[in-house]
Amino acid sequence: MVNVSSAWDLVTVQSGTSAPVQWLNQNKPPVDITDQLSTGKLGGLVEARETFLTNYRGQLDTLATGLIKAVNSLHSNGIGLIPFTSQTGTNAVSYPSTSLASSAAALPFGSNILNGSSQVFVYDSTRALPDSGTVAIDSASMSLAVVVTALLAIPGITARIDST
């Protein structure tokens, strides 16, 4: 920014969810001038960032969340052509003894877990089916620890909760 014979650098510094516009004076701390930028090209850019882009970011997050749920739903309905030899979950549960749907468990999409049952098949190396079992899920009353116990009741299955 130039004013007669003085010049200052303008910068934005990401701070949490905001990115204030600051000017830098060589021997002084940065000064936040975001609120002073209400007109002109810089004012328009700040307004666009604060209003339109924030709205679009929210819409994009909603779209991404819906896409994640749809893909996870499809994957939860079956297996691929090659059976799994092991499975590792990717979402952490803060409290394994808390119900799956509880906000205290902090399980992403925990409130979207559908009640029902999962059929688990255990194949041997020749792809014969020596064992199988069913794990019933009630997200309001069951915890991850209870799910692990139900899986362990199926012959040929090992399951555990790794602490983080």
N, C-alpha and C. Protein backbone atom coordinates (compact mmCIF):
# COMPACT_ATOMS: atom_id res chain seq x y z
N MET A 1 0.86 -1.15 0.00
CA MET A 1 0.00 0.00 0.00
C MET A 1 0.91 1.22 0.00
N VAL A 2 0.61 2.18 -0.88
CA VAL A 2 1.43 3.38 -1.02
C VAL A 2 0.59 4.60 -0.66
N ASN A 3 1.17 5.48 0.15
CA ASN A 3 0.54 6.74 0.52
C ASN A 3 1.60 7.82 0.45
N VAL A 4 1.57 8.63 -0.59
CA VAL A 4 2.53 9.70 -0.86
C VAL A 4 3.93 9.11 -0.89
N SER A 5 4.72 9.30 0.17
CA SER A 5 6.09 8.80 0.15
C SER A 5 6.30 7.60 1.06
N SER A 6 5.22 7.04 1.61
CA SER A 6 5.34 5.88 2.49
C SER A 6 4.75 4.65 1.80
N ALA A 7 5.30 3.50 2.10
CA ALA A 7 4.79 2.24 1.55
C ALA A 7 4.76 1.20 2.64
N TRP A 8 3.68 0.40 2.63
CA TRP A 8 3.53 -0.69 3.59
C TRP A 8 3.17 -1.96 2.83
N ASP A 9 3.63 -3.06 3.34
CA ASP A 9 3.25 -4.35 2.77
C ASP A 9 1.92 -4.77 3.39
N LEU A 10 1.02 -5.31 2.57
CA LEU A 10 -0.23 -5.88 3.05
C LEU A 10 -0.11 -7.39 3.04
N VAL A 11 -0.55 -8.02 4.12
CA VAL A 11 -0.49 -9.47 4.21
C VAL A 11 -1.78 -9.97 4.85
N THR A 12 -2.08 -11.24 4.62
CA THR A 12 -3.13 -11.92 5.38
C THR A 12 -2.46 -13.08 6.09
N VAL A 13 -2.86 -13.28 7.33
CA VAL A 13 -2.29 -14.34 8.14
C VAL A 13 -3.43 -15.19 8.65
N GLN A 14 -3.45 -16.47 8.28
CA GLN A 14 -4.51 -17.37 8.72
C GLN A 14 -4.42 -17.54 10.22
N SER A 15 -5.52 -17.26 10.91
CA SER A 15 -5.58 -17.40 12.36
C SER A 15 -6.89 -18.10 12.70
N GLY A 16 -6.84 -19.41 12.87
CA GLY A 16 -8.06 -20.18 13.11
C GLY A 16 -8.93 -20.16 11.87
N THR A 17 -10.15 -19.59 11.99
CA THR A 17 -11.06 -19.54 10.85
C THR A 17 -11.05 -18.19 10.15
N SER A 18 -10.25 -17.26 10.65
CA SER A 18 -10.20 -15.94 10.01
C SER A 18 -8.82 -15.69 9.42
N ALA A 19 -8.78 -14.73 8.51
CA ALA A 19 -7.52 -14.32 7.89
C ALA A 19 -7.53 -12.80 7.76
N PRO A 20 -7.20 -12.08 8.85
CA PRO A 20 -7.25 -10.63 8.81
C PRO A 20 -6.23 -10.04 7.83
N VAL A 21 -6.62 -8.91 7.23
CA VAL A 21 -5.70 -8.18 6.37
C VAL A 21 -4.90 -7.25 7.28
N GLN A 22 -3.58 -7.36 7.21
CA GLN A 22 -2.71 -6.55 8.07
C GLN A 22 -1.73 -5.77 7.23
N TRP A 23 -1.36 -4.61 7.72
CA TRP A 23 -0.27 -3.91 7.06
C TRP A 23 0.94 -3.97 7.94
N LEU A 24 2.08 -4.07 7.31
CA LEU A 24 3.34 -4.22 8.01
C LEU A 24 4.14 -2.93 7.89
N ASN A 25 4.51 -2.40 9.03
CA ASN A 25 5.40 -1.26 9.09
C ASN A 25 6.71 -1.80 9.64
N GLN A 26 7.81 -1.44 9.04
CA GLN A 26 9.09 -2.11 9.31
C GLN A 26 9.43 -2.30 10.78
N ASN A 27 9.23 -1.32 11.61
CA ASN A 27 9.68 -1.41 13.00
C ASN A 27 8.53 -1.50 13.99
N LYS A 28 7.34 -1.78 13.52
CA LYS A 28 6.18 -1.84 14.40
C LYS A 28 5.44 -3.15 14.18
N PRO A 29 4.62 -3.56 15.17
CA PRO A 29 3.84 -4.79 14.99
C PRO A 29 2.80 -4.62 13.89
N PRO A 30 2.34 -5.72 13.27
CA PRO A 30 1.32 -5.63 12.22
C PRO A 30 0.04 -4.99 12.75
N VAL A 31 -0.68 -4.28 11.87
CA VAL A 31 -1.93 -3.64 12.24
C VAL A 31 -3.05 -4.25 11.41
N ASP A 32 -4.09 -4.74 12.10
CA ASP A 32 -5.24 -5.33 11.42
C ASP A 32 -6.09 -4.21 10.84
N ILE A 33 -6.24 -4.19 9.50
CA ILE A 33 -7.02 -3.14 8.84
C ILE A 33 -8.25 -3.71 8.13
N THR A 34 -8.60 -4.95 8.44
CA THR A 34 -9.71 -5.61 7.75
C THR A 34 -10.99 -4.78 7.82
N ASP A 35 -11.34 -4.29 9.02
CA ASP A 35 -12.58 -3.53 9.19
C ASP A 35 -12.57 -2.20 8.44
N GLN A 36 -11.41 -1.69 8.11
CA GLN A 36 -11.30 -0.41 7.41
C GLN A 36 -11.44 -0.57 5.89
N LEU A 37 -11.43 -1.80 5.43
CA LEU A 37 -11.52 -2.07 3.99
C LEU A 37 -12.98 -2.32 3.61
N SER A 38 -13.75 -1.26 3.49
CA SER A 38 -15.18 -1.42 3.18
C SER A 38 -15.53 -0.95 1.78
N THR A 39 -14.64 -0.26 1.11
CA THR A 39 -14.91 0.22 -0.24
C THR A 39 -13.72 -0.11 -1.14
N GLY A 40 -13.91 0.14 -2.41
CA GLY A 40 -12.83 -0.09 -3.37
C GLY A 40 -12.63 -1.56 -3.66
N LYS A 41 -11.60 -1.83 -4.42
CA LYS A 41 -11.33 -3.21 -4.83
C LYS A 41 -11.01 -4.11 -3.64
N LEU A 42 -10.17 -3.62 -2.71
CA LEU A 42 -9.84 -4.43 -1.54
C LEU A 42 -11.07 -4.67 -0.66
N GLY A 43 -11.91 -3.64 -0.51
CA GLY A 43 -13.14 -3.81 0.27
C GLY A 43 -14.04 -4.86 -0.37
N GLY A 44 -14.15 -4.83 -1.70
CA GLY A 44 -14.96 -5.81 -2.41
C GLY A 44 -14.42 -7.22 -2.26
N LEU A 45 -13.10 -7.35 -2.31
CA LEU A 45 -12.49 -8.68 -2.15
C LEU A 45 -12.71 -9.23 -0.74
N VAL A 46 -12.56 -8.35 0.26
CA VAL A 46 -12.78 -8.78 1.64
C VAL A 46 -14.24 -9.18 1.83
N GLU A 47 -15.17 -8.38 1.30
CA GLU A 47 -16.59 -8.70 1.43
C GLU A 47 -16.92 -10.03 0.74
N ALA A 48 -16.36 -10.24 -0.44
CA ALA A 48 -16.60 -11.50 -1.15
C ALA A 48 -16.08 -12.68 -0.35
N ARG A 49 -14.91 -12.51 0.22
CA ARG A 49 -14.32 -13.60 1.02
C ARG A 49 -15.17 -13.90 2.25
N GLU A 50 -15.62 -12.85 2.92
CA GLU A 50 -16.35 -13.03 4.18
C GLU A 50 -17.79 -13.50 3.98
N THR A 51 -18.41 -13.16 2.87
CA THR A 51 -19.81 -13.53 2.68
C THR A 51 -19.98 -14.67 1.69
N PHE A 52 -19.63 -14.43 0.44
CA PHE A 52 -19.89 -15.42 -0.61
C PHE A 52 -19.05 -16.68 -0.43
N LEU A 53 -17.75 -16.52 -0.20
CA LEU A 53 -16.89 -17.70 -0.11
C LEU A 53 -17.19 -18.53 1.13
N THR A 54 -17.55 -17.86 2.23
CA THR A 54 -17.92 -18.60 3.44
C THR A 54 -19.16 -19.45 3.17
N ASN A 55 -20.13 -18.88 2.48
CA ASN A 55 -21.35 -19.61 2.13
C ASN A 55 -21.02 -20.80 1.21
N TYR A 56 -20.21 -20.56 0.20
CA TYR A 56 -19.84 -21.64 -0.72
C TYR A 56 -19.03 -22.72 -0.02
N ARG A 57 -18.17 -22.33 0.91
CA ARG A 57 -17.38 -23.31 1.66
C ARG A 57 -18.32 -24.21 2.46
N GLY A 58 -19.34 -23.62 3.08
CA GLY A 58 -20.33 -24.40 3.82
C GLY A 58 -21.07 -25.36 2.92
N GLN A 59 -21.45 -24.89 1.72
CA GLN A 59 -22.14 -25.77 0.78
C GLN A 59 -21.24 -26.90 0.31
N LEU A 60 -19.96 -26.59 0.10
CA LEU A 60 -19.01 -27.61 -0.32
C LEU A 60 -18.81 -28.65 0.80
N ASP A 61 -18.75 -28.19 2.05
CA ASP A 61 -18.64 -29.12 3.17
C ASP A 61 -19.86 -30.03 3.25
N THR A 62 -21.05 -29.47 3.02
CA THR A 62 -22.27 -30.27 3.03
C THR A 62 -22.25 -31.30 1.91
N LEU A 63 -21.81 -30.90 0.72
CA LEU A 63 -21.70 -31.83 -0.40
C LEU A 63 -20.70 -32.95 -0.08
N ALA A 64 -19.54 -32.59 0.46
CA ALA A 64 -18.52 -33.59 0.78
C ALA A 64 -19.04 -34.57 1.84
N THR A 65 -19.73 -34.05 2.85
CA THR A 65 -20.29 -34.92 3.89
C THR A 65 -21.30 -35.89 3.30
N GLY A 66 -22.17 -35.40 2.42
CA GLY A 66 -23.15 -36.27 1.76
C GLY A 66 -22.48 -37.33 0.90
N LEU A 67 -21.44 -36.95 0.18
CA LEU A 67 -20.71 -37.90 -0.66
C LEU A 67 -20.04 -38.97 0.19
N ILE A 68 -19.43 -38.56 1.30
CA ILE A 68 -18.79 -39.53 2.20
C ILE A 68 -19.81 -40.52 2.73
N LYS A 69 -20.96 -40.01 3.17
CA LYS A 69 -22.01 -40.89 3.70
C LYS A 69 -22.50 -41.86 2.63
N ALA A 70 -22.68 -41.38 1.40
CA ALA A 70 -23.18 -42.24 0.32
C ALA A 70 -22.18 -43.34 -0.01
N VAL A 71 -20.90 -42.98 -0.11
CA VAL A 71 -19.87 -43.99 -0.42
C VAL A 71 -19.76 -45.00 0.73
N ASN A 72 -19.75 -44.50 1.96
CA ASN A 72 -19.68 -45.42 3.10
C ASN A 72 -20.90 -46.34 3.15
N SER A 73 -22.06 -45.82 2.80
CA SER A 73 -23.27 -46.64 2.78
C SER A 73 -23.16 -47.75 1.75
N LEU A 74 -22.66 -47.43 0.57
CA LEU A 74 -22.47 -48.45 -0.46
C LEU A 74 -21.46 -49.50 -0.01
N HIS A 75 -20.36 -49.06 0.59
CA HIS A 75 -19.34 -50.01 1.04
C HIS A 75 -19.83 -50.89 2.18
N SER A 76 -20.79 -50.40 2.96
CA SER A 76 -21.25 -51.18 4.10
C SER A 76 -22.21 -52.30 3.68
N ASN A 77 -22.61 -52.32 2.42
CA ASN A 77 -23.59 -53.31 1.97
C ASN A 77 -22.99 -54.56 1.34
N GLY A 78 -21.71 -54.73 1.39
CA GLY A 78 -21.16 -55.93 0.78
C GLY A 78 -19.66 -55.96 0.84
N ILE A 79 -19.09 -56.92 0.11
CA ILE A 79 -17.64 -57.06 0.05
C ILE A 79 -17.23 -57.11 -1.41
N GLY A 80 -15.94 -56.99 -1.64
CA GLY A 80 -15.42 -57.07 -2.99
C GLY A 80 -15.25 -58.51 -3.44
N LEU A 81 -14.62 -58.68 -4.56
CA LEU A 81 -14.42 -60.03 -5.10
C LEU A 81 -13.41 -60.82 -4.28
N ILE A 82 -12.49 -60.13 -3.65
CA ILE A 82 -11.49 -60.80 -2.82
C ILE A 82 -11.83 -60.54 -1.35
N PRO A 83 -12.15 -61.58 -0.59
CA PRO A 83 -12.51 -61.38 0.82
C PRO A 83 -11.35 -60.76 1.62
N PHE A 84 -11.70 -60.06 2.67
CA PHE A 84 -10.71 -59.43 3.53
C PHE A 84 -9.99 -60.47 4.36
N THR A 85 -8.70 -60.26 4.57
CA THR A 85 -7.97 -61.08 5.53
C THR A 85 -7.85 -60.34 6.86
N SER A 86 -8.02 -59.03 6.80
CA SER A 86 -8.05 -58.22 8.03
C SER A 86 -8.71 -56.89 7.71
N GLN A 87 -9.18 -56.24 8.73
CA GLN A 87 -9.82 -54.93 8.60
C GLN A 87 -9.33 -54.05 9.73
N THR A 88 -9.04 -52.81 9.43
CA THR A 88 -8.66 -51.84 10.45
C THR A 88 -9.53 -50.61 10.26
N GLY A 89 -10.20 -50.19 11.31
CA GLY A 89 -11.02 -48.99 11.23
C GLY A 89 -10.15 -47.75 11.13
N THR A 90 -10.71 -46.70 10.55
CA THR A 90 -9.95 -45.46 10.39
C THR A 90 -10.45 -44.34 11.28
N ASN A 91 -11.58 -44.52 11.94
CA ASN A 91 -12.11 -43.48 12.81
C ASN A 91 -11.89 -43.85 14.26
N ALA A 92 -11.39 -42.91 15.02
CA ALA A 92 -11.15 -43.14 16.44
C ALA A 92 -12.44 -42.92 17.22
N VAL A 93 -12.57 -43.66 18.28
CA VAL A 93 -13.69 -43.48 19.20
C VAL A 93 -13.08 -43.03 20.52
N SER A 94 -13.53 -41.89 21.01
CA SER A 94 -12.95 -41.34 22.24
C SER A 94 -13.17 -42.24 23.44
N TYR A 95 -14.36 -42.81 23.55
CA TYR A 95 -14.70 -43.66 24.69
C TYR A 95 -15.32 -44.96 24.17
N PRO A 96 -14.54 -46.04 24.07
CA PRO A 96 -15.04 -47.30 23.51
C PRO A 96 -16.22 -47.91 24.28
N SER A 97 -16.45 -47.49 25.52
CA SER A 97 -17.55 -48.05 26.30
C SER A 97 -18.81 -47.21 26.21
N THR A 98 -18.78 -46.13 25.45
CA THR A 98 -19.94 -45.26 25.27
C THR A 98 -20.71 -45.73 24.04
N SER A 99 -22.03 -45.53 24.03
CA SER A 99 -22.83 -45.98 22.88
C SER A 99 -22.30 -45.35 21.59
N LEU A 100 -22.41 -46.10 20.51
CA LEU A 100 -21.88 -45.66 19.22
C LEU A 100 -22.48 -44.33 18.76
N ALA A 101 -23.75 -44.11 19.03
CA ALA A 101 -24.43 -42.89 18.57
C ALA A 101 -24.22 -41.72 19.52
N SER A 102 -23.62 -41.95 20.67
CA SER A 102 -23.44 -40.89 21.66
C SER A 102 -22.44 -39.85 21.16
N SER A 103 -22.73 -38.61 21.41
CA SER A 103 -21.78 -37.55 21.03
C SER A 103 -20.50 -37.67 21.84
N ALA A 104 -20.55 -38.28 23.02
CA ALA A 104 -19.36 -38.47 23.84
C ALA A 104 -18.36 -39.41 23.18
N ALA A 105 -18.85 -40.34 22.35
CA ALA A 105 -17.94 -41.26 21.65
C ALA A 105 -17.13 -40.51 20.59
N ALA A 106 -17.66 -39.39 20.12
CA ALA A 106 -17.00 -38.56 19.11
C ALA A 106 -16.66 -39.35 17.84
N LEU A 107 -17.53 -40.28 17.50
CA LEU A 107 -17.34 -41.08 16.29
C LEU A 107 -17.93 -40.32 15.11
N PRO A 108 -17.11 -39.99 14.10
CA PRO A 108 -17.67 -39.29 12.95
C PRO A 108 -18.84 -40.07 12.35
N PHE A 109 -19.92 -39.40 12.10
CA PHE A 109 -21.13 -39.99 11.53
C PHE A 109 -21.79 -40.99 12.48
N GLY A 110 -21.43 -40.95 13.77
CA GLY A 110 -22.01 -41.88 14.73
C GLY A 110 -23.52 -41.80 14.79
N SER A 111 -24.06 -40.60 14.62
CA SER A 111 -25.51 -40.45 14.68
C SER A 111 -26.19 -41.03 13.44
N ASN A 112 -25.42 -41.40 12.43
CA ASN A 112 -25.99 -41.96 11.21
C ASN A 112 -25.86 -43.48 11.13
N ILE A 113 -25.36 -44.10 12.18
CA ILE A 113 -25.25 -45.56 12.18
C ILE A 113 -26.65 -46.15 12.22
N LEU A 114 -26.94 -47.01 11.27
CA LEU A 114 -28.26 -47.64 11.20
C LEU A 114 -28.29 -48.89 12.05
N ASN A 115 -29.39 -49.08 12.75
CA ASN A 115 -29.56 -50.30 13.52
C ASN A 115 -29.87 -51.45 12.56
N GLY A 116 -29.41 -52.61 12.90
CA GLY A 116 -29.63 -53.77 12.06
C GLY A 116 -28.63 -54.84 12.41
N SER A 117 -28.23 -55.61 11.43
CA SER A 117 -27.26 -56.66 11.70
C SER A 117 -26.31 -56.80 10.52
N SER A 118 -25.14 -57.32 10.84
CA SER A 118 -24.13 -57.60 9.83
C SER A 118 -23.81 -59.08 9.88
N GLN A 119 -23.83 -59.70 8.72
CA GLN A 119 -23.45 -61.10 8.62
C GLN A 119 -21.95 -61.15 8.39
N VAL A 120 -21.24 -61.93 9.19
CA VAL A 120 -19.79 -62.06 9.09
C VAL A 120 -19.48 -63.49 8.67
N PHE A 121 -18.71 -63.62 7.60
CA PHE A 121 -18.33 -64.94 7.09
C PHE A 121 -16.84 -65.13 7.29
N VAL A 122 -16.44 -66.31 7.71
CA VAL A 122 -15.03 -66.65 7.90
C VAL A 122 -14.70 -67.76 6.90
N TYR A 123 -13.77 -67.47 6.01
CA TYR A 123 -13.34 -68.44 5.00
C TYR A 123 -11.97 -68.99 5.37
N ASP A 124 -11.71 -70.22 4.99
CA ASP A 124 -10.37 -70.74 5.18
C ASP A 124 -9.55 -70.49 3.92
N SER A 125 -8.32 -70.99 3.89
CA SER A 125 -7.42 -70.71 2.76
C SER A 125 -7.90 -71.31 1.44
N THR A 126 -8.80 -72.29 1.49
CA THR A 126 -9.34 -72.87 0.26
C THR A 126 -10.66 -72.20 -0.15
N ARG A 127 -11.00 -71.15 0.55
CA ARG A 127 -12.24 -70.39 0.35
C ARG A 127 -13.49 -71.16 0.73
N ALA A 128 -13.29 -72.16 1.58
CA ALA A 128 -14.43 -72.86 2.15
C ALA A 128 -14.97 -72.00 3.30
N LEU A 129 -16.22 -72.19 3.65
CA LEU A 129 -16.88 -71.38 4.67
C LEU A 129 -17.09 -72.21 5.94
N PRO A 130 -16.06 -72.27 6.80
CA PRO A 130 -16.23 -73.09 8.00
C PRO A 130 -17.07 -72.42 9.09
N ASP A 131 -17.08 -71.08 9.12
CA ASP A 131 -17.80 -70.39 10.20
C ASP A 131 -18.44 -69.10 9.69
N SER A 132 -19.46 -68.69 10.41
CA SER A 132 -20.10 -67.39 10.14
C SER A 132 -20.85 -66.99 11.40
N GLY A 133 -21.27 -65.77 11.43
CA GLY A 133 -22.03 -65.28 12.57
C GLY A 133 -22.70 -63.96 12.22
N THR A 134 -23.58 -63.55 13.08
CA THR A 134 -24.30 -62.30 12.89
C THR A 134 -24.02 -61.39 14.07
N VAL A 135 -23.76 -60.13 13.75
CA VAL A 135 -23.56 -59.12 14.79
C VAL A 135 -24.70 -58.12 14.65
N ALA A 136 -25.54 -58.10 15.66
CA ALA A 136 -26.65 -57.15 15.67
C ALA A 136 -26.14 -55.81 16.20
N ILE A 137 -26.59 -54.72 15.59
CA ILE A 137 -26.15 -53.38 15.98
C ILE A 137 -27.35 -52.56 16.42
N ASP A 138 -27.24 -52.01 17.61
CA ASP A 138 -28.19 -51.01 18.12
C ASP A 138 -27.33 -49.84 18.58
N SER A 139 -27.20 -48.82 17.75
CA SER A 139 -26.25 -47.74 18.00
C SER A 139 -26.55 -46.96 19.27
N ALA A 140 -27.80 -46.93 19.70
CA ALA A 140 -28.15 -46.17 20.90
C ALA A 140 -27.70 -46.88 22.17
N SER A 141 -27.65 -48.21 22.15
CA SER A 141 -27.31 -48.94 23.38
C SER A 141 -25.98 -49.68 23.30
N MET A 142 -25.43 -49.87 22.11
CA MET A 142 -24.20 -50.65 21.97
C MET A 142 -22.99 -49.74 21.88
N SER A 143 -21.92 -50.18 22.49
CA SER A 143 -20.65 -49.47 22.41
C SER A 143 -19.72 -50.25 21.47
N LEU A 144 -18.61 -49.65 21.15
CA LEU A 144 -17.61 -50.34 20.33
C LEU A 144 -17.10 -51.58 21.07
N ALA A 145 -16.95 -51.48 22.37
CA ALA A 145 -16.50 -52.63 23.16
C ALA A 145 -17.48 -53.80 23.05
N VAL A 146 -18.78 -53.52 23.01
CA VAL A 146 -19.79 -54.58 22.87
C VAL A 146 -19.73 -55.18 21.46
N VAL A 147 -19.48 -54.35 20.45
CA VAL A 147 -19.35 -54.85 19.08
C VAL A 147 -18.15 -55.80 18.99
N VAL A 148 -17.04 -55.41 19.61
CA VAL A 148 -15.85 -56.27 19.61
C VAL A 148 -16.16 -57.60 20.29
N THR A 149 -16.88 -57.58 21.41
CA THR A 149 -17.26 -58.81 22.11
C THR A 149 -18.12 -59.70 21.21
N ALA A 150 -19.05 -59.09 20.48
CA ALA A 150 -19.91 -59.85 19.56
C ALA A 150 -19.07 -60.47 18.43
N LEU A 151 -18.10 -59.74 17.91
CA LEU A 151 -17.23 -60.28 16.86
C LEU A 151 -16.39 -61.44 17.40
N LEU A 152 -15.89 -61.31 18.62
CA LEU A 152 -15.07 -62.37 19.21
C LEU A 152 -15.84 -63.66 19.44
N ALA A 153 -17.17 -63.58 19.49
CA ALA A 153 -18.00 -64.78 19.68
C ALA A 153 -18.09 -65.61 18.40
N ILE A 154 -17.66 -65.05 17.27
CA ILE A 154 -17.69 -65.78 16.00
C ILE A 154 -16.38 -66.55 15.86
N PRO A 155 -16.43 -67.87 15.71
CA PRO A 155 -15.20 -68.65 15.58
C PRO A 155 -14.35 -68.16 14.39
N GLY A 156 -13.06 -68.06 14.61
CA GLY A 156 -12.15 -67.65 13.54
C GLY A 156 -11.94 -66.15 13.44
N ILE A 157 -12.62 -65.38 14.27
CA ILE A 157 -12.50 -63.93 14.22
C ILE A 157 -11.70 -63.43 15.42
N THR A 158 -10.77 -62.54 15.19
CA THR A 158 -10.11 -61.83 16.28
C THR A 158 -10.43 -60.36 16.11
N ALA A 159 -10.63 -59.68 17.19
CA ALA A 159 -10.96 -58.25 17.16
C ALA A 159 -10.39 -57.60 18.40
N ARG A 160 -10.02 -56.33 18.25
CA ARG A 160 -9.50 -55.60 19.41
C ARG A 160 -9.68 -54.11 19.16
N ILE A 161 -9.61 -53.36 20.22
CA ILE A 161 -9.64 -51.91 20.15
C ILE A 161 -8.24 -51.43 20.50
N ASP A 162 -7.60 -50.76 19.56
CA ASP A 162 -6.28 -50.20 19.82
C ASP A 162 -6.45 -48.84 20.46
N SER A 163 -5.72 -48.60 21.52
CA SER A 163 -5.80 -47.29 22.15
C SER A 163 -4.92 -46.31 21.38
N THR A 164 -5.37 -45.05 21.37
CA THR A 164 -4.62 -44.03 20.62
C THR A 164 -3.73 -43.25 21.53
